[in-house]
């Protein structure tokens, strides 16, 4: 079992930066594929960034070059550094832990709101 708690969301002006954190408790954090998703009301949840246990990363085209995902296995934490933020980045951001070998094992955090507005 893995529990996830996101933090770091808030209100930021266009062009600004935020860093989201996702603290995990439970066992074997280091083996999980960690993802950041985001969701706008009325739309499907969108995969934003992924980092594997080997620290391979992947990004949605809409955030490439602006967002960076990283993990610190010693702290059981995954981060999402968001730079050059745009109003269209406004969403609730969710952390997800996905077991690499058992697709049905997947955990979610409660979400953190990011609002980009002047």
C-alpha atoms as a PDB file:
ATOM      1  CA  UNK A   1       0.000   0.000   0.000  1.00  0.00           C
ATOM      2  CA  UNK A   2       1.254   3.491  -0.890  1.00  0.00           C
ATOM      3  CA  UNK A   3      -0.194   6.767   0.334  1.00  0.00           C
ATOM      4  CA  UNK A   4       0.525   9.910  -1.657  1.00  0.00           C
ATOM      5  CA  UNK A   5       0.260  13.534  -0.507  1.00  0.00           C
ATOM      6  CA  UNK A   6       0.776  16.396  -2.947  1.00  0.00           C
ATOM      7  CA  UNK A   7       1.798  19.923  -2.007  1.00  0.00           C
ATOM      8  CA  UNK A   8       3.099  23.084  -3.620  1.00  0.00           C
ATOM      9  CA  UNK A   9       0.127  24.208  -5.651  1.00  0.00           C
ATOM     10  CA  UNK A  10      -1.149  27.766  -5.655  1.00  0.00           C
ATOM     11  CA  UNK A  11      -1.738  30.902  -7.660  1.00  0.00           C
ATOM     12  CA  UNK A  12       1.027  32.132  -9.948  1.00  0.00           C
ATOM     13  CA  UNK A  13       1.244  34.725 -12.699  1.00  0.00           C
ATOM     14  CA  UNK A  14       1.852  33.704 -16.317  1.00  0.00           C
ATOM     15  CA  UNK A  15       5.550  33.118 -16.871  1.00  0.00           C
ATOM     16  CA  UNK A  16       6.071  32.158 -13.242  1.00  0.00           C
ATOM     17  CA  UNK A  17       7.219  28.923 -11.652  1.00  0.00           C
ATOM     18  CA  UNK A  18       5.977  26.405  -9.113  1.00  0.00           C
ATOM     19  CA  UNK A  19       7.370  23.183  -7.740  1.00  0.00           C
ATOM     20  CA  UNK A  20       4.964  20.445  -6.794  1.00  0.00           C
ATOM     21  CA  UNK A  21       5.955  17.719  -4.367  1.00  0.00           C
ATOM     22  CA  UNK A  22       4.426  14.314  -3.800  1.00  0.00           C
ATOM     23  CA  UNK A  23       5.423  12.548  -0.611  1.00  0.00           C
ATOM     24  CA  UNK A  24       4.871   8.809  -0.520  1.00  0.00           C
ATOM     25  CA  UNK A  25       4.525   6.578   2.497  1.00  0.00           C
ATOM     26  CA  UNK A  26       4.515   2.823   2.403  1.00  0.00           C
ATOM     27  CA  UNK A  27       6.837   0.245   1.028  1.00  0.00           C
ATOM     28  CA  UNK A  28       8.995  -0.048  -2.075  1.00  0.00           C
ATOM     29  CA  UNK A  29       8.557   3.507  -3.365  1.00  0.00           C
ATOM     30  CA  UNK A  30      11.649   3.181  -5.526  1.00  0.00           C
ATOM     31  CA  UNK A  31      10.183   0.491  -7.778  1.00  0.00           C
ATOM     32  CA  UNK A  32       7.097   2.446  -8.756  1.00  0.00           C
ATOM     33  CA  UNK A  33       6.659   4.398 -11.941  1.00  0.00           C
ATOM     34  CA  UNK A  34       5.649   7.855 -10.777  1.00  0.00           C
ATOM     35  CA  UNK A  35       3.362  10.062 -12.809  1.00  0.00           C
ATOM     36  CA  UNK A  36       1.923  13.538 -12.635  1.00  0.00           C
ATOM     37  CA  UNK A  37      -1.517  14.012 -14.150  1.00  0.00           C
ATOM     38  CA  UNK A  38      -3.708  17.076 -14.359  1.00  0.00           C
ATOM     39  CA  UNK A  39      -7.414  17.607 -14.783  1.00  0.00           C
ATOM     40  CA  UNK A  40      -9.619  20.531 -15.702  1.00  0.00           C
ATOM     41  CA  UNK A  41     -13.328  20.361 -14.823  1.00  0.00           C
ATOM     42  CA  UNK A  42     -15.282  18.698 -17.614  1.00  0.00           C
ATOM     43  CA  UNK A  43     -12.205  17.213 -19.253  1.00  0.00           C
ATOM     44  CA  UNK A  44     -10.363  13.901 -19.020  1.00  0.00           C
ATOM     45  CA  UNK A  45      -7.375  13.544 -16.752  1.00  0.00           C
ATOM     46  CA  UNK A  46      -4.205  14.209 -18.759  1.00  0.00           C
ATOM     47  CA  UNK A  47      -0.813  12.558 -18.246  1.00  0.00           C
ATOM     48  CA  UNK A  48       1.759  15.323 -17.845  1.00  0.00           C
ATOM     49  CA  UNK A  49       5.028  13.622 -16.897  1.00  0.00           C
ATOM     50  CA  UNK A  50       6.431  10.196 -16.012  1.00  0.00           C
ATOM     51  CA  UNK A  51       9.577   8.975 -14.285  1.00  0.00           C
ATOM     52  CA  UNK A  52      10.550   5.331 -13.992  1.00  0.00           C
ATOM     53  CA  UNK A  53      12.536   3.601 -11.278  1.00  0.00           C
ATOM     54  CA  UNK A  54      15.577   4.020 -13.523  1.00  0.00           C
ATOM     55  CA  UNK A  55      14.819   7.746 -13.815  1.00  0.00           C
ATOM     56  CA  UNK A  56      13.797   7.656 -17.455  1.00  0.00           C
ATOM     57  CA  UNK A  57      11.377  10.502 -18.087  1.00  0.00           C
ATOM     58  CA  UNK A  58       8.626  11.331 -20.534  1.00  0.00           C
ATOM     59  CA  UNK A  59       6.503  14.449 -20.994  1.00  0.00           C
ATOM     60  CA  UNK A  60       3.338  15.553 -22.685  1.00  0.00           C
ATOM     61  CA  UNK A  61       4.095  17.680 -25.735  1.00  0.00           C
ATOM     62  CA  UNK A  62       2.314  20.619 -24.123  1.00  0.00           C
ATOM     63  CA  UNK A  63       4.840  20.818 -21.265  1.00  0.00           C
ATOM     64  CA  UNK A  64       8.098  19.686 -22.888  1.00  0.00           C
ATOM     65  CA  UNK A  65      10.906  22.124 -22.219  1.00  0.00           C
ATOM     66  CA  UNK A  66       8.961  23.802 -19.397  1.00  0.00           C
ATOM     67  CA  UNK A  67       8.306  21.056 -16.830  1.00  0.00           C
ATOM     68  CA  UNK A  68      10.797  18.706 -15.193  1.00  0.00           C
ATOM     69  CA  UNK A  69       9.956  15.594 -13.190  1.00  0.00           C
ATOM     70  CA  UNK A  70      12.424  14.223 -10.665  1.00  0.00           C
ATOM     71  CA  UNK A  71      12.444  11.750  -7.799  1.00  0.00           C
ATOM     72  CA  UNK A  72      14.358  11.379  -4.559  1.00  0.00           C
ATOM     73  CA  UNK A  73      14.051   7.789  -3.434  1.00  0.00           C
ATOM     74  CA  UNK A  74      15.785   8.511  -0.143  1.00  0.00           C
ATOM     75  CA  UNK A  75      12.966  10.931   0.692  1.00  0.00           C
ATOM     76  CA  UNK A  76      10.197   8.920  -0.998  1.00  0.00           C
ATOM     77  CA  UNK A  77       9.289  12.043  -2.929  1.00  0.00           C
ATOM     78  CA  UNK A  78       8.637  12.956  -6.532  1.00  0.00           C
ATOM     79  CA  UNK A  79       8.716  16.534  -7.793  1.00  0.00           C
ATOM     80  CA  UNK A  80       7.349  18.475 -10.713  1.00  0.00           C
ATOM     81  CA  UNK A  81       9.193  21.695 -11.464  1.00  0.00           C
ATOM     82  CA  UNK A  82       6.982  23.893 -13.604  1.00  0.00           C
ATOM     83  CA  UNK A  83       8.485  26.908 -15.356  1.00  0.00           C
ATOM     84  CA  UNK A  84       7.142  29.419 -17.869  1.00  0.00           C
ATOM     85  CA  UNK A  85       3.640  28.668 -16.697  1.00  0.00           C
ATOM     86  CA  UNK A  86       0.701  29.496 -18.943  1.00  0.00           C
ATOM     87  CA  UNK A  87      -2.986  30.031 -18.125  1.00  0.00           C
ATOM     88  CA  UNK A  88      -3.730  26.739 -19.878  1.00  0.00           C
ATOM     89  CA  UNK A  89      -1.640  24.934 -17.242  1.00  0.00           C
ATOM     90  CA  UNK A  90      -4.365  25.744 -14.729  1.00  0.00           C
ATOM     91  CA  UNK A  91      -5.695  22.446 -13.361  1.00  0.00           C
ATOM     92  CA  UNK A  92      -5.744  20.131 -10.395  1.00  0.00           C
ATOM     93  CA  UNK A  93      -2.489  18.184 -10.448  1.00  0.00           C
ATOM     94  CA  UNK A  94      -2.454  14.589  -9.215  1.00  0.00           C
ATOM     95  CA  UNK A  95       0.412  12.334  -8.268  1.00  0.00           C
ATOM     96  CA  UNK A  96       0.157   8.667  -9.253  1.00  0.00           C
ATOM     97  CA  UNK A  97       2.237   5.631  -8.322  1.00  0.00           C
ATOM     98  CA  UNK A  98       1.963   2.772 -10.771  1.00  0.00           C
ATOM     99  CA  UNK A  99       3.419  -0.686 -10.164  1.00  0.00           C
ATOM    100  CA  UNK A 100       5.615  -1.611 -13.141  1.00  0.00           C
ATOM    101  CA  UNK A 101       4.675  -5.313 -13.141  1.00  0.00           C
ATOM    102  CA  UNK A 102       1.086  -5.359 -11.856  1.00  0.00           C
ATOM    103  CA  UNK A 103      -1.045  -2.894 -13.858  1.00  0.00           C
ATOM    104  CA  UNK A 104      -3.944  -3.071 -11.420  1.00  0.00           C
ATOM    105  CA  UNK A 105      -1.814  -1.657  -8.605  1.00  0.00           C
ATOM    106  CA  UNK A 106      -2.056   2.104  -8.889  1.00  0.00           C
ATOM    107  CA  UNK A 107      -2.342   4.767  -6.194  1.00  0.00           C
ATOM    108  CA  UNK A 108      -3.450   8.381  -6.333  1.00  0.00           C
ATOM    109  CA  UNK A 109      -2.989  11.461  -4.240  1.00  0.00           C
ATOM    110  CA  UNK A 110      -5.759  13.888  -3.414  1.00  0.00           C
ATOM    111  CA  UNK A 111      -4.616  16.541  -5.879  1.00  0.00           C
ATOM    112  CA  UNK A 112      -3.317  20.091  -5.600  1.00  0.00           C
ATOM    113  CA  UNK A 113      -4.730  23.112  -7.411  1.00  0.00           C
ATOM    114  CA  UNK A 114      -2.511  25.141  -9.717  1.00  0.00           C
ATOM    115  CA  UNK A 115      -3.931  28.397 -11.023  1.00  0.00           C
ATOM    116  CA  UNK A 116      -2.045  30.512 -13.541  1.00  0.00           C
ATOM    117  CA  UNK A 117      -3.591  33.953 -13.812  1.00  0.00           C
ATOM    118  CA  UNK A 118      -2.682  37.609 -13.758  1.00  0.00           C
END
